[in-house]
Protein backbone atom coordinates (compact mmCIF):
# COMPACT_ATOMS: atom_id res chain seq x y z
CA LYS A 1 -26.49 13.43 4.97
CA PRO A 2 -29.80 12.92 6.85
CA PHE A 3 -28.23 10.40 9.24
CA MET A 4 -24.88 11.91 10.21
CA PRO A 5 -23.70 15.38 11.36
CA ARG A 6 -21.91 17.32 8.65
CA ALA A 7 -18.72 17.77 10.71
CA VAL A 8 -18.53 14.00 11.33
CA MET A 9 -19.06 13.26 7.64
CA VAL A 10 -16.25 15.65 6.63
CA GLU A 11 -13.89 14.09 9.18
CA TYR A 12 -14.78 10.59 7.95
CA LEU A 13 -14.12 11.56 4.33
CA LYS A 14 -10.74 13.11 5.19
CA LEU A 15 -9.63 9.95 6.97
CA LEU A 16 -10.92 7.70 4.20
CA LEU A 17 -9.13 9.65 1.47
CA SER A 18 -5.87 9.58 3.40
CA PHE A 19 -6.31 5.88 4.24
CA HIS A 20 -6.99 4.82 0.65
CA LEU A 21 -4.11 6.92 -0.71
CA ALA A 22 -1.83 5.17 1.79
CA LEU A 23 -3.04 1.74 0.64
CA TYR A 24 -2.58 2.80 -3.00
CA HIS A 25 1.04 3.82 -2.38
CA LEU A 26 1.79 0.64 -0.45
CA ARG A 27 0.43 -1.41 -3.34
CA LEU A 28 2.68 0.53 -5.74
CA LEU A 29 5.71 -0.46 -3.65
CA LYS A 30 4.91 -4.05 -4.54
CA LEU A 31 3.52 -3.62 -8.05
CA LEU A 32 6.08 -1.39 -9.83
CA PRO A 33 9.19 -3.54 -9.14
CA ALA A 34 7.21 -6.65 -10.10
CA TRP A 35 6.23 -5.12 -13.46
CA GLN A 36 9.82 -4.09 -14.10
CA LYS A 37 10.95 -7.67 -13.44
CA LEU A 38 8.28 -9.00 -15.80
CA GLY A 39 9.39 -6.59 -18.51
CA GLY A 40 5.88 -5.18 -18.87
CA ALA A 41 2.50 -4.95 -17.21
CA ASN A 42 1.09 -8.12 -15.74
CA PRO A 43 -1.68 -9.30 -18.12
CA LEU A 44 -3.86 -9.85 -15.04
CA CYS A 45 -3.82 -6.08 -14.47
CA LEU A 46 -5.69 -5.27 -17.66
CA GLU A 47 -9.15 -3.88 -16.98
CA SER A 48 -10.75 -6.84 -18.74
CA THR A 49 -8.84 -9.46 -16.73
CA CYS A 50 -8.30 -7.79 -13.34
CA PRO A 51 -9.34 -10.33 -10.67
CA MET A 52 -10.40 -7.68 -8.17
CA ARG A 53 -14.15 -7.39 -7.50
CA PRO A 54 -14.57 -4.28 -5.34
CA ARG A 55 -18.37 -4.49 -5.30
CA GLU A 56 -18.36 -7.99 -3.85
CA ALA A 57 -18.84 -8.36 -0.11
CA ARG A 58 -16.64 -11.47 0.08
CA GLU A 59 -13.05 -11.57 -1.19
CA PRO A 60 -13.21 -8.27 -3.11
CA GLN A 61 -9.49 -8.51 -3.99
CA GLY A 62 -10.01 -11.89 -5.65
CA ASP A 63 -6.76 -13.56 -6.72
CA CYS A 64 -4.84 -10.31 -7.22
CA PRO A 65 -1.10 -11.10 -6.92
CA TYR A 66 -0.43 -7.65 -5.43
CA GLN A 67 -2.71 -7.84 -2.43
CA LEU A 68 -1.91 -5.90 0.71
CA GLY A 69 -1.20 -7.59 4.02
CA LEU A 70 -0.63 -5.40 7.08
CA PHE A 71 -0.58 -6.78 10.60
CA VAL A 72 -1.97 -4.04 12.84
CA ASP A 73 -1.39 -3.63 16.57
CA LEU A 74 -4.48 -3.00 18.71
CA SER A 75 -2.67 -3.32 22.03
CA GLY A 76 -1.19 0.18 21.97
CA ASN A 77 2.06 -1.18 23.44
CA ALA A 78 5.11 -1.12 21.19
CA GLU A 79 7.01 -3.40 23.61
CA SER A 80 4.39 -6.16 23.56
CA ALA A 81 4.59 -9.29 21.41
CA VAL A 82 1.78 -7.86 19.28
CA GLY A 83 3.69 -4.61 18.87
CA ARG A 84 6.79 -6.47 17.70
CA LEU A 85 4.78 -8.36 15.08
CA ALA A 86 3.34 -5.06 13.83
CA GLU A 87 6.89 -3.67 13.65
CA ARG A 88 7.98 -6.64 11.53
CA SER A 89 5.04 -6.05 9.23
CA ALA A 90 5.80 -2.34 8.79
CA ASP A 91 9.53 -3.00 8.38
CA GLY A 92 8.82 -5.42 5.53
CA TRP A 93 6.84 -2.82 3.64
CA PHE A 94 9.30 0.05 4.22
CA ARG A 95 12.15 -2.18 3.03
CA ARG A 96 10.40 -2.26 -0.35
CA ILE A 97 11.09 1.44 -0.87
CA PRO A 98 14.66 1.10 -2.33
CA GLY A 99 13.41 -1.43 -4.88
CA PHE A 100 10.54 0.88 -5.75
CA VAL A 101 12.92 3.83 -6.21
CA ARG A 102 15.09 1.77 -8.56
CA ALA A 103 12.02 0.67 -10.54
CA TYR A 104 10.81 4.28 -10.65
CA PHE A 105 14.11 5.51 -12.09
CA GLY A 106 14.02 2.67 -14.60
CA ALA A 107 10.48 3.55 -15.70
CA LYS A 108 11.23 7.27 -15.88
CA LYS A 109 14.33 6.86 -18.02
CA LEU A 110 12.79 4.19 -20.24
CA ASP A 111 9.89 6.56 -20.82
CA GLU A 112 12.37 9.21 -21.99
CA PHE A 113 13.99 6.57 -24.22
CA GLY A 114 10.55 5.72 -25.61
CA GLU A 115 9.90 9.37 -26.45
CA PHE A 116 13.24 9.44 -28.27
CA LEU A 117 12.26 6.38 -30.32
CA LEU A 118 8.90 7.93 -31.12
CA SER A 119 10.56 11.13 -32.32
CA ARG A 120 12.73 9.07 -34.68
CA GLY A 121 9.80 7.02 -35.94
CA LYS A 122 11.33 3.78 -34.64
CA ILE A 123 8.17 2.91 -32.74
CA ILE A 124 4.61 3.98 -33.47
CA ARG A 125 2.48 5.82 -30.98
CA GLY A 126 -0.81 4.11 -30.20
CA VAL A 127 -4.21 5.65 -29.64
CA ALA A 128 -3.07 7.27 -26.39
CA SER A 129 -0.79 10.32 -26.46
CA TYR A 130 1.68 8.57 -24.16
CA LEU A 131 3.28 5.17 -23.65
CA SER A 132 1.60 3.00 -21.07
CA LEU A 133 3.69 1.67 -18.18
CA GLY A 134 3.55 -1.79 -19.74
CA GLU A 135 4.89 -0.40 -23.03
CA VAL A 136 7.61 1.49 -21.17
CA PHE A 137 8.90 -1.59 -19.35
CA ALA A 138 8.71 -3.59 -22.59
CA LEU A 139 11.54 -1.35 -23.88
CA GLN A 140 13.84 -3.44 -21.65
CA GLY A 141 13.43 -6.33 -24.12
CA ALA A 142 15.99 -7.75 -26.53
CA THR A 143 14.24 -6.06 -29.49
CA PHE A 144 15.46 -2.65 -28.34
CA ARG A 145 18.84 -3.71 -26.89
CA ASP A 146 21.10 -2.00 -29.47
CA GLU A 147 19.11 1.24 -29.55
CA ARG A 148 18.83 1.23 -25.78
CA GLU A 149 22.55 0.74 -25.21
CA LYS A 150 23.50 3.49 -27.68
CA TYR A 151 21.05 5.91 -26.07
CA PHE A 152 22.09 5.21 -22.48
CA ASN A 153 25.78 5.10 -23.35
CA GLY A 154 25.46 8.78 -24.25
CA ARG A 155 23.40 9.54 -21.15
CA LEU A 156 25.93 7.72 -18.95
CA ARG A 157 28.86 9.68 -20.41
CA GLU A 158 27.02 12.95 -19.79
CA LEU A 159 26.28 11.92 -16.21
CA THR A 160 29.81 10.79 -15.37
CA ASP A 161 31.29 13.95 -16.98
CA SER A 162 29.08 16.07 -14.72
CA LEU A 163 30.41 14.18 -11.67
CA LYS A 164 34.11 14.73 -12.40
CA ASP A 165 36.07 16.90 -10.04
CA ASP A 166 38.64 19.55 -10.99
CA ARG A 167 41.25 16.87 -11.63
CA GLY A 168 38.95 14.85 -13.89
CA GLY A 169 38.28 12.09 -11.37
CA ILE A 170 35.00 10.72 -10.06
CA ASP A 171 34.01 9.55 -6.59
CA ALA A 172 34.86 6.02 -5.46
CA ARG A 173 31.23 4.84 -5.31
CA THR A 174 30.50 5.79 -8.93
CA SER A 175 33.85 4.35 -10.03
CA GLU A 176 32.98 0.99 -8.45
CA LEU A 177 29.59 0.94 -10.18
CA LEU A 178 31.25 1.55 -13.55
CA LYS A 179 33.43 -1.52 -13.01
CA LEU A 180 30.58 -3.95 -12.33
CA GLY A 181 30.27 -4.94 -16.00
CA LEU A 182 26.59 -4.07 -16.24
CA SER A 183 24.94 -2.83 -19.41
CA ASP A 184 25.01 0.93 -20.01
CA PHE A 185 21.32 1.17 -19.14
CA GLU A 186 21.71 -0.76 -15.89
CA THR A 187 24.86 1.18 -14.97
CA TYR A 188 23.11 4.49 -15.62
CA ILE A 189 20.21 3.52 -13.35
CA GLU A 190 22.53 2.26 -10.60
CA VAL A 191 24.52 5.50 -10.64
CA LEU A 192 21.31 7.53 -10.44
CA VAL A 193 20.06 5.42 -7.51
CA ALA A 194 23.40 5.85 -5.73
CA LEU A 195 23.26 9.61 -6.22
CA LYS A 196 19.57 10.33 -5.59
CA GLY A 197 18.06 7.20 -4.05
CA SER A 198 18.36 8.30 -0.42
CA TYR A 199 16.77 11.65 -1.27
CA HIS A 200 13.71 10.00 -2.82
CA ARG A 201 13.52 7.39 -0.06
CA LYS A 202 13.40 10.14 2.56
CA TYR A 203 10.44 11.90 0.95
CA ILE A 204 8.57 8.67 0.22
CA ILE A 205 8.83 7.80 3.92
CA GLU A 206 7.59 11.28 4.85
CA ALA A 207 4.67 10.90 2.44
CA LEU A 208 3.71 7.51 3.88
CA ASP A 209 3.98 8.85 7.43
CA SER A 210 1.65 11.69 6.49
CA LEU A 211 -0.89 9.57 4.61
CA MET A 212 -0.98 7.00 7.41
CA GLN A 213 -1.48 9.81 9.97
CA LYS A 214 1.52 8.67 12.02
CA ASN A 215 0.95 9.22 15.76
CA ARG A 216 -2.22 11.24 15.08
CA ALA A 217 -5.93 10.61 15.39
CA GLY A 218 -6.92 8.10 12.72
CA ALA A 219 -3.42 6.62 12.55
CA LEU A 220 -2.50 3.51 10.60
CA LEU A 221 1.12 3.94 11.66
CA ALA A 222 2.80 4.66 14.99
CA GLN A 223 6.36 5.32 16.14
CA THR A 224 7.58 5.94 19.66
CA ARG A 225 9.49 9.14 20.42
CA ALA A 226 12.78 7.30 21.04
CA LYS A 227 15.59 7.98 18.55
CA ASN A 228 15.60 5.57 15.58
CA ALA A 229 12.49 3.83 16.94
CA SER A 230 10.80 1.34 14.63
CA ARG A 231 7.47 2.08 12.99
CA ARG A 232 4.57 -0.29 13.45
CA PHE A 233 1.14 -0.61 11.88
CA VAL A 234 -1.74 0.25 14.22
CA LEU A 235 -5.48 0.80 13.93
CA ASP A 236 -6.37 3.96 15.81
CA SER A 237 -9.87 4.26 17.28
CA ARG A 238 -10.84 7.10 14.92
CA LEU A 239 -9.90 5.14 11.80
CA LEU A 240 -11.51 1.98 13.21
CA GLU A 241 -14.74 3.89 13.77
CA VAL A 242 -14.82 5.07 10.13
CA LEU A 243 -14.18 1.57 8.77
CA LEU A 244 -16.81 0.10 11.11
CA GLN A 245 -19.44 2.52 9.88
CA ILE A 246 -18.72 1.27 6.34
CA ALA A 247 -18.59 -2.39 7.39
CA VAL A 248 -22.13 -2.36 8.82
CA LEU A 249 -23.67 -0.92 5.64
CA ARG A 250 -25.92 -3.18 3.57
CA PRO A 251 -27.10 -2.41 0.02
CA GLY A 252 -30.84 -1.87 -0.38
CA GLY A 253 -33.52 -0.07 1.55
CA ASP A 254 -35.13 3.29 0.89
CA ALA A 255 -31.86 5.23 1.19
CA GLY A 256 -29.90 2.86 -1.05
CA TYR A 257 -28.08 1.46 2.00
CA PHE A 258 -29.07 0.53 5.51
CA THR A 259 -27.11 -0.53 8.57
CA GLY A 260 -27.24 -3.77 10.50
CA ALA A 261 -25.41 -5.65 13.24
CA MET A 262 -22.27 -7.56 12.34
CA ARG A 263 -20.55 -10.46 14.08
CA ILE A 264 -16.99 -9.91 15.33
CA ASP A 265 -15.57 -12.73 13.22
CA ASP A 266 -17.28 -11.31 10.11
CA LEU A 267 -15.83 -7.89 10.90
CA LEU A 268 -12.33 -9.32 11.19
CA GLY A 269 -12.84 -10.98 7.80
CA PHE A 270 -14.12 -7.72 6.30
CA LEU A 271 -11.06 -5.74 7.42
CA ARG A 272 -8.73 -8.50 6.23
CA GLU A 273 -10.32 -9.16 2.83
CA ARG A 274 -11.20 -5.60 1.80
CA TYR A 275 -8.31 -3.59 3.20
CA GLY A 276 -5.61 -6.17 3.98
CA LEU A 277 -5.67 -5.33 7.71
CA TYR A 278 -4.78 -8.45 9.71
CA ILE A 279 -5.69 -8.62 13.41
CA ASP A 280 -6.28 -12.29 14.22
CA ALA A 281 -3.82 -13.78 11.72
CA LEU A 282 -0.44 -13.08 10.14
CA PRO A 283 -0.52 -11.82 6.53
CA PRO A 284 0.61 -14.57 4.13
CA GLY A 285 3.50 -13.84 1.78
CA GLU A 286 4.75 -10.87 3.78
CA GLY A 287 7.78 -12.42 5.46
CA PHE A 288 5.83 -14.34 8.11
CA LYS A 289 5.96 -18.09 8.54
CA ALA A 290 3.37 -20.30 10.19
CA PRO A 291 2.74 -18.72 13.61
CA SER A 292 4.58 -20.18 16.58
CA ILE A 293 2.91 -20.89 19.93
CA ASP A 294 4.00 -17.49 21.25
CA GLU A 295 2.75 -15.75 18.12
CA ARG A 296 -0.61 -17.50 18.41
CA ALA A 297 -0.87 -16.18 21.96
CA ALA A 298 -0.06 -12.70 20.66
CA LEU A 299 -2.80 -13.00 18.01
CA ARG A 300 -5.35 -13.94 20.66
CA ALA A 301 -4.24 -10.97 22.76
CA ASN A 302 -4.67 -8.72 19.72
CA VAL A 303 -8.24 -9.91 19.20
CA GLN A 304 -8.98 -9.26 22.87
CA ALA A 305 -7.55 -5.74 22.52
CA PHE A 306 -9.66 -5.29 19.38
CA THR A 307 -12.82 -6.25 21.28
CA ALA A 308 -11.89 -3.89 24.11
CA ARG A 309 -11.37 -1.09 21.59
CA LEU A 310 -14.80 -1.73 20.09
CA ARG A 311 -16.31 -1.50 23.56
CA GLU A 312 -14.50 1.79 24.20
CA ILE A 313 -15.87 3.47 21.09
CA GLY A 314 -19.38 2.19 21.75
CA TYR A 315 -19.81 -0.27 18.89
CA TYR A 316 -19.57 -3.53 20.79
CA ARG A 317 -22.59 -5.57 21.87
CA ASP A 318 -22.29 -8.82 23.82
CA LEU A 319 -25.54 -10.68 24.53
CA SER A 320 -23.82 -13.64 26.20
CA ASP A 321 -20.52 -15.48 26.39
CA ALA A 322 -21.26 -17.20 23.07
CA TYR A 323 -18.89 -15.94 20.36
CA VAL A 324 -21.65 -15.74 17.74
CA THR A 325 -23.58 -13.22 19.85
CA GLN A 326 -20.66 -10.80 19.99
CA THR A 327 -21.58 -8.16 17.44
CA VAL A 328 -20.92 -4.56 16.49
CA GLU A 329 -23.72 -2.05 16.14
CA PRO A 330 -23.48 1.16 14.06
CA ARG A 331 -23.26 4.50 15.81
CA TYR A 332 -25.18 6.20 12.99
CA ALA A 333 -28.04 3.87 12.11
CA ILE A 334 -29.75 3.98 8.72
CA PRO A 335 -33.10 2.15 8.75
CA GLU A 336 -33.97 -0.20 5.93
CA HIS A 337 -37.38 1.40 5.51
CA SER A 338 -38.25 4.95 6.44
CA ARG A 339 -41.50 5.59 8.23
CA GLY A 340 -44.34 6.33 5.88
CA ALA A 341 -42.31 5.39 2.81
CA SER A 342 -44.22 3.67 0.04
CA ALA A 343 -43.19 0.20 -1.08
């Protein structure tokens, strides 16, 4: 408060809340289908075993298997090699939405099945008043197969009856799904996804566009105005400024934190390790292979564009041609020790 105008602080907080909600939803796109496949919550995700260390300056995400990896375009040119890499990165994440929708329907309907079992006394409610997500996905197991199939056989009949036309027939898509030989639970989920999946996908995309401030100040996502244009991850100057102001903070001092200069390579590592924003490298495990010669050239161009962006917003300081002297300085400086403060 003493170091930054109120209007700037409010704007920073708005962008940070939107940014972190976007990262949270992107992580869910990866986490929920993985938990469904495991048949329960990953034991690593328990509070006592979670490998993430958010208070650590280095590698705060630890060995989390659901880390984010977004390649962001700093060039501002969707037609450039950098822009195409950022499109590939965004496309990989948006292609996770159908799998997430299917996992969501599975979790929702298994939760209803769990409530049915609780009402019949066939499972015992724990300390919490609800089943955890891990307990919900565990209902996919062999232990509950007979009860699950009886329950969803009834739900499937109700659903297919509601889809019949005046002559008692059902549409070709649903008819084909019924012939696949899947279990009643799996068939029920597939029919629901076929009927409502595109609806949910549409609104999830709209939510992500909004949270990532698409084509607005503070954007993490951009899309050209052309019809059916691809989305790409970007790092708008306003959002970069907010993250930079956080990056240069150091714990300690009279105010609890103070600001200091930061080397460019350390800043790139900070953005990559804390937020999963890749500028000088391709995110591992996100559909990218070892970079080719052309891709390495694109990565170098992206770093150059990043440096130019820092210079534009007034954070960049270059004492000489030596890479180690290229640093960023905070716009709103917080001294380590206030004048006249006692030790």
